[in-house]
Amino acid sequence: MTVHASKGLEFEHVFIVGMEEDLFPSSMTKSELRGLEEERRLFYVAITRAKQTCIITFAKSRFKHGQTEPARQSQFLSDIDEKFLSTQTTSFGGSSKRDESAGGFWESMRQRTQPSRPTFNKRETVAPVRPHGTTPISQASSDSSLSSEAKAVQEGDIIEHERFGRGEVITIENQGNDRRAFVEFETAGRKQLLLKFAKFTILK
């Protein structure tokens, strides 16, 4: 649901995701004071839809246009008095640091949605079960998700990227199921591309 569509409504719990610069506020509105204030007003509308809790999230990095780019939390978050906030930081690997109130909320939600999920000791090893005749993921071809261009591109090739324009492939790295290329573009400089997502054509 968009913030505009939530006007006039109320919910027990509200989740606002993507509170990052260039997302909320949008990069298209930051150049004008009036546009920035309209975004700030929309943020106020969003948080006041909540009756009990309002969970606000932002990422430290996002995958955009074939590469991972750093992200910064929204400037709007600094407008909120810290006495109204309880923070929780979660790493990609799953470890988290949470306060008592946030932990209680997530625990109650977990019990409602997954009442009978089994738990395992960290030292236990669970053997994988797969149907007869299937191929384990680790043995499957990593090229299955790559386009013909992504498979064929080599170091030294000249490519045309839909966003960055023309560039020369400097190096190519294979990491697990990912194939990455480091490209020196004529106007955009050096970029790292994840080839299964990047859209480009090989010129020579």
C-alpha atoms as a PDB file:
ATOM      1  CA  MET A   1       0.000   0.000   0.000  1.00  0.00           C
ATOM      2  CA  THR A   2       1.283   3.459  -0.855  1.00  0.00           C
ATOM      3  CA  VAL A   3       1.313   6.253   1.721  1.00  0.00           C
ATOM      4  CA  HIS A   4      -1.197   8.201  -0.384  1.00  0.00           C
ATOM      5  CA  ALA A   5      -3.624   5.264  -0.299  1.00  0.00           C
ATOM      6  CA  SER A   6      -3.349   4.961   3.498  1.00  0.00           C
ATOM      7  CA  LYS A   7      -4.777   8.424   4.198  1.00  0.00           C
ATOM      8  CA  GLY A   8      -7.748   8.258   6.563  1.00  0.00           C
ATOM      9  CA  LEU A   9      -6.992   4.663   7.601  1.00  0.00           C
ATOM     10  CA  GLU A  10      -5.571   3.238  10.838  1.00  0.00           C
ATOM     11  CA  PHE A  11      -3.840  -0.070  11.599  1.00  0.00           C
ATOM     12  CA  GLU A  12      -2.632  -1.806  14.763  1.00  0.00           C
ATOM     13  CA  HIS A  13       0.872  -2.203  13.305  1.00  0.00           C
ATOM     14  CA  VAL A  14       2.434  -0.223  10.443  1.00  0.00           C
ATOM     15  CA  PHE A  15       5.602  -1.076   8.511  1.00  0.00           C
ATOM     16  CA  ILE A  16       7.440   1.654   6.578  1.00  0.00           C
ATOM     17  CA  VAL A  17      10.250   0.180   4.472  1.00  0.00           C
ATOM     18  CA  GLY A  18      12.998   1.798   2.419  1.00  0.00           C
ATOM     19  CA  MET A  19      13.535   4.888   4.606  1.00  0.00           C
ATOM     20  CA  GLU A  20      16.667   5.866   2.703  1.00  0.00           C
ATOM     21  CA  GLU A  21      17.926   8.929   0.907  1.00  0.00           C
ATOM     22  CA  ASP A  22      16.756   8.990  -2.740  1.00  0.00           C
ATOM     23  CA  LEU A  23      13.893   6.616  -1.868  1.00  0.00           C
ATOM     24  CA  PHE A  24      12.078   8.491   0.906  1.00  0.00           C
ATOM     25  CA  PRO A  25      12.597  11.354   0.248  1.00  0.00           C
ATOM     26  CA  SER A  26      12.709  10.590  -3.461  1.00  0.00           C
ATOM     27  CA  SER A  27      15.692  11.832  -5.451  1.00  0.00           C
ATOM     28  CA  MET A  28      13.234  13.621  -7.764  1.00  0.00           C
ATOM     29  CA  THR A  29      11.932  15.852  -4.964  1.00  0.00           C
ATOM     30  CA  LYS A  30      15.134  16.728  -3.098  1.00  0.00           C
ATOM     31  CA  SER A  31      16.093  19.525  -5.481  1.00  0.00           C
ATOM     32  CA  GLU A  32      13.040  21.594  -4.534  1.00  0.00           C
ATOM     33  CA  LEU A  33      12.155  22.763  -1.024  1.00  0.00           C
ATOM     34  CA  ARG A  34       8.441  22.393  -1.725  1.00  0.00           C
ATOM     35  CA  GLY A  35       8.892  18.824  -2.951  1.00  0.00           C
ATOM     36  CA  LEU A  36      10.990  17.920   0.090  1.00  0.00           C
ATOM     37  CA  GLU A  37       8.381  19.295   2.481  1.00  0.00           C
ATOM     38  CA  GLU A  38       5.647  17.320   0.696  1.00  0.00           C
ATOM     39  CA  GLU A  39       7.669  14.141   1.233  1.00  0.00           C
ATOM     40  CA  ARG A  40       8.106  15.064   4.906  1.00  0.00           C
ATOM     41  CA  ARG A  41       4.334  15.510   5.214  1.00  0.00           C
ATOM     42  CA  LEU A  42       3.763  12.091   3.641  1.00  0.00           C
ATOM     43  CA  PHE A  43       6.148  10.523   6.156  1.00  0.00           C
ATOM     44  CA  TYR A  44       4.098  12.081   8.968  1.00  0.00           C
ATOM     45  CA  VAL A  45       0.947  10.629   7.396  1.00  0.00           C
ATOM     46  CA  ALA A  46       2.587   7.180   7.272  1.00  0.00           C
ATOM     47  CA  ILE A  47       3.700   7.005  10.910  1.00  0.00           C
ATOM     48  CA  THR A  48       0.408   8.378  12.241  1.00  0.00           C
ATOM     49  CA  ARG A  49      -1.500   5.482  10.660  1.00  0.00           C
ATOM     50  CA  ALA A  50      -0.233   3.219  13.465  1.00  0.00           C
ATOM     51  CA  LYS A  51      -2.276   2.589  16.619  1.00  0.00           C
ATOM     52  CA  GLN A  52       0.300   0.505  18.544  1.00  0.00           C
ATOM     53  CA  THR A  53       3.631   0.098  16.744  1.00  0.00           C
ATOM     54  CA  CYS A  54       5.321   1.585  13.697  1.00  0.00           C
ATOM     55  CA  ILE A  55       8.286  -0.385  12.346  1.00  0.00           C
ATOM     56  CA  ILE A  56      10.635   1.675  10.141  1.00  0.00           C
ATOM     57  CA  THR A  57      13.391  -0.052   8.163  1.00  0.00           C
ATOM     58  CA  PHE A  58      16.272   1.027   5.924  1.00  0.00           C
ATOM     59  CA  ALA A  59      19.111  -0.836   4.240  1.00  0.00           C
ATOM     60  CA  LYS A  60      22.842  -0.126   4.364  1.00  0.00           C
ATOM     61  CA  SER A  61      23.178  -1.008   0.652  1.00  0.00           C
ATOM     62  CA  ARG A  62      20.918  -1.772  -2.302  1.00  0.00           C
ATOM     63  CA  PHE A  63      21.395  -3.629  -5.580  1.00  0.00           C
ATOM     64  CA  LYS A  64      20.709  -1.142  -8.387  1.00  0.00           C
ATOM     65  CA  HIS A  65      21.426  -1.276 -12.094  1.00  0.00           C
ATOM     66  CA  GLY A  66      23.573  -4.400 -11.893  1.00  0.00           C
ATOM     67  CA  GLN A  67      25.708  -3.392  -8.926  1.00  0.00           C
ATOM     68  CA  THR A  68      25.546  -2.946  -5.153  1.00  0.00           C
ATOM     69  CA  GLU A  69      25.486   0.683  -4.048  1.00  0.00           C
ATOM     70  CA  PRO A  70      25.750   2.085  -0.492  1.00  0.00           C
ATOM     71  CA  ALA A  71      22.578   3.533   1.042  1.00  0.00           C
ATOM     72  CA  ARG A  72      22.072   6.192   3.735  1.00  0.00           C
ATOM     73  CA  GLN A  73      19.171   6.397   6.151  1.00  0.00           C
ATOM     74  CA  SER A  74      16.543   9.032   5.420  1.00  0.00           C
ATOM     75  CA  GLN A  75      17.092  12.526   6.774  1.00  0.00           C
ATOM     76  CA  PHE A  76      13.504  12.388   8.068  1.00  0.00           C
ATOM     77  CA  LEU A  77      14.508   9.925  10.792  1.00  0.00           C
ATOM     78  CA  SER A  78      16.608  12.585  12.495  1.00  0.00           C
ATOM     79  CA  ASP A  79      13.435  14.650  12.945  1.00  0.00           C
ATOM     80  CA  ILE A  80      12.022  12.072  15.382  1.00  0.00           C
ATOM     81  CA  ASP A  81      12.801  12.552  19.083  1.00  0.00           C
ATOM     82  CA  GLU A  82      14.937   9.609  20.265  1.00  0.00           C
ATOM     83  CA  LYS A  83      12.660   9.024  23.266  1.00  0.00           C
ATOM     84  CA  PHE A  84      10.030   7.724  20.847  1.00  0.00           C
ATOM     85  CA  LEU A  85      12.416   5.270  19.174  1.00  0.00           C
ATOM     86  CA  SER A  86      13.629   1.790  20.025  1.00  0.00           C
ATOM     87  CA  THR A  87      16.269   0.581  17.587  1.00  0.00           C
ATOM     88  CA  GLN A  88      17.150  -2.835  16.209  1.00  0.00           C
ATOM     89  CA  THR A  89      20.095  -3.540  13.905  1.00  0.00           C
ATOM     90  CA  THR A  90      20.120  -6.782  11.923  1.00  0.00           C
ATOM     91  CA  SER A  91      23.051  -8.022   9.855  1.00  0.00           C
ATOM     92  CA  PHE A  92      22.696  -9.954   6.579  1.00  0.00           C
ATOM     93  CA  GLY A  93      23.907 -13.088   8.312  1.00  0.00           C
ATOM     94  CA  GLY A  94      20.959 -13.048  10.691  1.00  0.00           C
ATOM     95  CA  SER A  95      22.514 -11.859  13.967  1.00  0.00           C
ATOM     96  CA  SER A  96      20.615  -9.036  15.613  1.00  0.00           C
ATOM     97  CA  LYS A  97      20.672  -6.615  18.492  1.00  0.00           C
ATOM     98  CA  ARG A  98      17.233  -5.684  19.780  1.00  0.00           C
ATOM     99  CA  ASP A  99      15.693  -4.108  22.830  1.00  0.00           C
ATOM    100  CA  GLU A 100      13.075  -5.759  25.012  1.00  0.00           C
ATOM    101  CA  SER A 101      10.016  -4.134  23.439  1.00  0.00           C
ATOM    102  CA  ALA A 102      11.037  -4.898  19.863  1.00  0.00           C
ATOM    103  CA  GLY A 103      11.938  -8.447  20.815  1.00  0.00           C
ATOM    104  CA  GLY A 104       8.558  -8.963  22.429  1.00  0.00           C
ATOM    105  CA  PHE A 105       6.714  -7.754  19.345  1.00  0.00           C
ATOM    106  CA  TRP A 106       8.617  -9.995  16.935  1.00  0.00           C
ATOM    107  CA  GLU A 107       8.307 -12.978  19.255  1.00  0.00           C
ATOM    108  CA  SER A 108       4.528 -12.590  19.430  1.00  0.00           C
ATOM    109  CA  MET A 109       4.294 -12.297  15.634  1.00  0.00           C
ATOM    110  CA  ARG A 110       6.465 -15.390  15.223  1.00  0.00           C
ATOM    111  CA  GLN A 111       4.275 -17.430  17.549  1.00  0.00           C
ATOM    112  CA  ARG A 112       1.147 -16.460  15.629  1.00  0.00           C
ATOM    113  CA  THR A 113       2.468 -17.318  12.180  1.00  0.00           C
ATOM    114  CA  GLN A 114       4.773 -20.269  12.972  1.00  0.00           C
ATOM    115  CA  PRO A 115       3.440 -22.036  16.093  1.00  0.00           C
ATOM    116  CA  SER A 116       4.907 -25.474  15.331  1.00  0.00           C
ATOM    117  CA  ARG A 117       8.248 -24.735  13.663  1.00  0.00           C
ATOM    118  CA  PRO A 118      10.943 -27.185  14.905  1.00  0.00           C
ATOM    119  CA  THR A 119      14.161 -25.813  16.388  1.00  0.00           C
ATOM    120  CA  PHE A 120      17.664 -27.272  16.153  1.00  0.00           C
ATOM    121  CA  ASN A 121      20.786 -26.929  18.227  1.00  0.00           C
ATOM    122  CA  LYS A 122      23.530 -25.034  16.401  1.00  0.00           C
ATOM    123  CA  ARG A 123      25.783 -28.104  16.558  1.00  0.00           C
ATOM    124  CA  GLU A 124      23.213 -30.456  15.060  1.00  0.00           C
ATOM    125  CA  THR A 125      23.589 -31.443  11.412  1.00  0.00           C
ATOM    126  CA  VAL A 126      20.450 -32.061   9.401  1.00  0.00           C
ATOM    127  CA  ALA A 127      20.936 -34.246   6.328  1.00  0.00           C
ATOM    128  CA  PRO A 128      19.326 -32.783   3.182  1.00  0.00           C
ATOM    129  CA  VAL A 129      16.567 -34.792   1.547  1.00  0.00           C
ATOM    130  CA  ARG A 130      15.976 -34.526  -2.192  1.00  0.00           C
ATOM    131  CA  PRO A 131      13.860 -36.507  -4.661  1.00  0.00           C
ATOM    132  CA  HIS A 132      15.512 -39.294  -6.649  1.00  0.00           C
ATOM    133  CA  GLY A 133      17.035 -38.108  -9.910  1.00  0.00           C
ATOM    134  CA  THR A 134      17.334 -34.441  -9.012  1.00  0.00           C
ATOM    135  CA  THR A 135      20.610 -32.495  -9.021  1.00  0.00           C
ATOM    136  CA  PRO A 136      21.869 -30.736  -5.845  1.00  0.00           C
ATOM    137  CA  ILE A 137      22.002 -26.958  -6.166  1.00  0.00           C
ATOM    138  CA  SER A 138      25.757 -26.941  -5.554  1.00  0.00           C
ATOM    139  CA  GLN A 139      26.234 -29.223  -8.586  1.00  0.00           C
ATOM    140  CA  ALA A 140      23.824 -27.396 -10.884  1.00  0.00           C
ATOM    141  CA  SER A 141      25.263 -25.277 -13.670  1.00  0.00           C
ATOM    142  CA  SER A 142      25.795 -21.689 -12.562  1.00  0.00           C
ATOM    143  CA  ASP A 143      25.337 -20.601 -16.186  1.00  0.00           C
ATOM    144  CA  SER A 144      21.607 -21.443 -16.226  1.00  0.00           C
ATOM    145  CA  SER A 145      20.656 -17.906 -15.121  1.00  0.00           C
ATOM    146  CA  LEU A 146      23.109 -16.147 -17.456  1.00  0.00           C
ATOM    147  CA  SER A 147      22.182 -14.624 -20.788  1.00  0.00           C
ATOM    148  CA  SER A 148      24.149 -15.489 -23.925  1.00  0.00           C
ATOM    149  CA  GLU A 149      25.940 -12.131 -23.674  1.00  0.00           C
ATOM    150  CA  ALA A 150      26.872 -12.730 -20.028  1.00  0.00           C
ATOM    151  CA  LYS A 151      28.308 -16.155 -20.906  1.00  0.00           C
ATOM    152  CA  ALA A 152      30.271 -14.912 -23.914  1.00  0.00           C
ATOM    153  CA  VAL A 153      31.805 -11.699 -22.564  1.00  0.00           C
ATOM    154  CA  GLN A 154      35.560 -11.852 -21.993  1.00  0.00           C
ATOM    155  CA  GLU A 155      38.304  -9.589 -20.680  1.00  0.00           C
ATOM    156  CA  GLY A 156      39.212  -6.947 -23.246  1.00  0.00           C
ATOM    157  CA  ASP A 157      35.744  -6.890 -24.871  1.00  0.00           C
ATOM    158  CA  ILE A 158      34.061  -3.576 -25.625  1.00  0.00           C
ATOM    159  CA  ILE A 159      30.447  -3.526 -24.436  1.00  0.00           C
ATOM    160  CA  GLU A 160      27.504  -1.122 -24.575  1.00  0.00           C
ATOM    161  CA  HIS A 161      25.585  -0.941 -21.251  1.00  0.00           C
ATOM    162  CA  GLU A 162      22.023   0.393 -21.288  1.00  0.00           C
ATOM    163  CA  ARG A 163      22.820   2.910 -18.521  1.00  0.00           C
ATOM    164  CA  PHE A 164      26.587   3.474 -18.399  1.00  0.00           C
ATOM    165  CA  GLY A 165      27.227   3.469 -22.154  1.00  0.00           C
ATOM    166  CA  ARG A 166      30.377   2.118 -23.824  1.00  0.00           C
ATOM    167  CA  GLY A 167      33.187   0.550 -21.828  1.00  0.00           C
ATOM    168  CA  GLU A 168      36.023  -1.989 -21.831  1.00  0.00           C
ATOM    169  CA  VAL A 169      35.912  -5.154 -19.727  1.00  0.00           C
ATOM    170  CA  ILE A 170      39.009  -5.091 -17.491  1.00  0.00           C
ATOM    171  CA  THR A 171      38.575  -8.275 -15.429  1.00  0.00           C
ATOM    172  CA  ILE A 172      35.989 -11.013 -14.893  1.00  0.00           C
ATOM    173  CA  GLU A 173      35.530 -12.908 -11.614  1.00  0.00           C
ATOM    174  CA  ASN A 174      33.528 -16.053 -10.863  1.00  0.00           C
ATOM    175  CA  GLN A 175      32.274 -16.310  -7.262  1.00  0.00           C
ATOM    176  CA  GLY A 176      30.002 -19.294  -6.653  1.00  0.00           C
ATOM    177  CA  ASN A 177      26.954 -18.825  -8.876  1.00  0.00           C
ATOM    178  CA  ASP A 178      27.838 -15.201  -9.609  1.00  0.00           C
ATOM    179  CA  ARG A 179      29.890 -13.940 -12.538  1.00  0.00           C
ATOM    180  CA  ARG A 180      31.105 -10.368 -12.140  1.00  0.00           C
ATOM    181  CA  ALA A 181      32.795  -8.027 -14.584  1.00  0.00           C
ATOM    182  CA  PHE A 182      34.810  -4.909 -13.821  1.00  0.00           C
ATOM    183  CA  VAL A 183      34.291  -2.455 -16.675  1.00  0.00           C
ATOM    184  CA  GLU A 184      35.968   0.881 -17.404  1.00  0.00           C
ATOM    185  CA  PHE A 185      33.277   3.063 -18.985  1.00  0.00           C
ATOM    186  CA  GLU A 186      34.092   6.098 -21.111  1.00  0.00           C
ATOM    187  CA  THR A 187      31.820   8.468 -19.179  1.00  0.00           C
ATOM    188  CA  ALA A 188      30.810   6.623 -15.972  1.00  0.00           C
ATOM    189  CA  GLY A 189      34.246   5.413 -14.862  1.00  0.00           C
ATOM    190  CA  ARG A 190      34.929   1.936 -13.461  1.00  0.00           C
ATOM    191  CA  LYS A 191      31.885  -0.112 -12.463  1.00  0.00           C
ATOM    192  CA  GLN A 192      31.320  -3.626 -11.138  1.00  0.00           C
ATOM    193  CA  LEU A 193      28.530  -5.507 -12.931  1.00  0.00           C
ATOM    194  CA  LEU A 194      26.746  -8.671 -11.791  1.00  0.00           C
ATOM    195  CA  LEU A 195      26.373 -10.278 -15.203  1.00  0.00           C
ATOM    196  CA  LYS A 196      23.149 -12.210 -14.580  1.00  0.00           C
ATOM    197  CA  PHE A 197      21.386  -8.864 -14.028  1.00  0.00           C
ATOM    198  CA  ALA A 198      23.365  -6.431 -16.181  1.00  0.00           C
ATOM    199  CA  LYS A 199      21.862  -5.499 -19.572  1.00  0.00           C
ATOM    200  CA  PHE A 200      24.477  -4.920 -22.240  1.00  0.00           C
ATOM    201  CA  THR A 201      25.622  -5.925 -25.726  1.00  0.00           C
ATOM    202  CA  ILE A 202      29.126  -6.921 -26.866  1.00  0.00           C
ATOM    203  CA  LEU A 203      30.451  -4.590 -29.550  1.00  0.00           C
ATOM    204  CA  LYS A 204      33.815  -6.244 -30.191  1.00  0.00           C
END
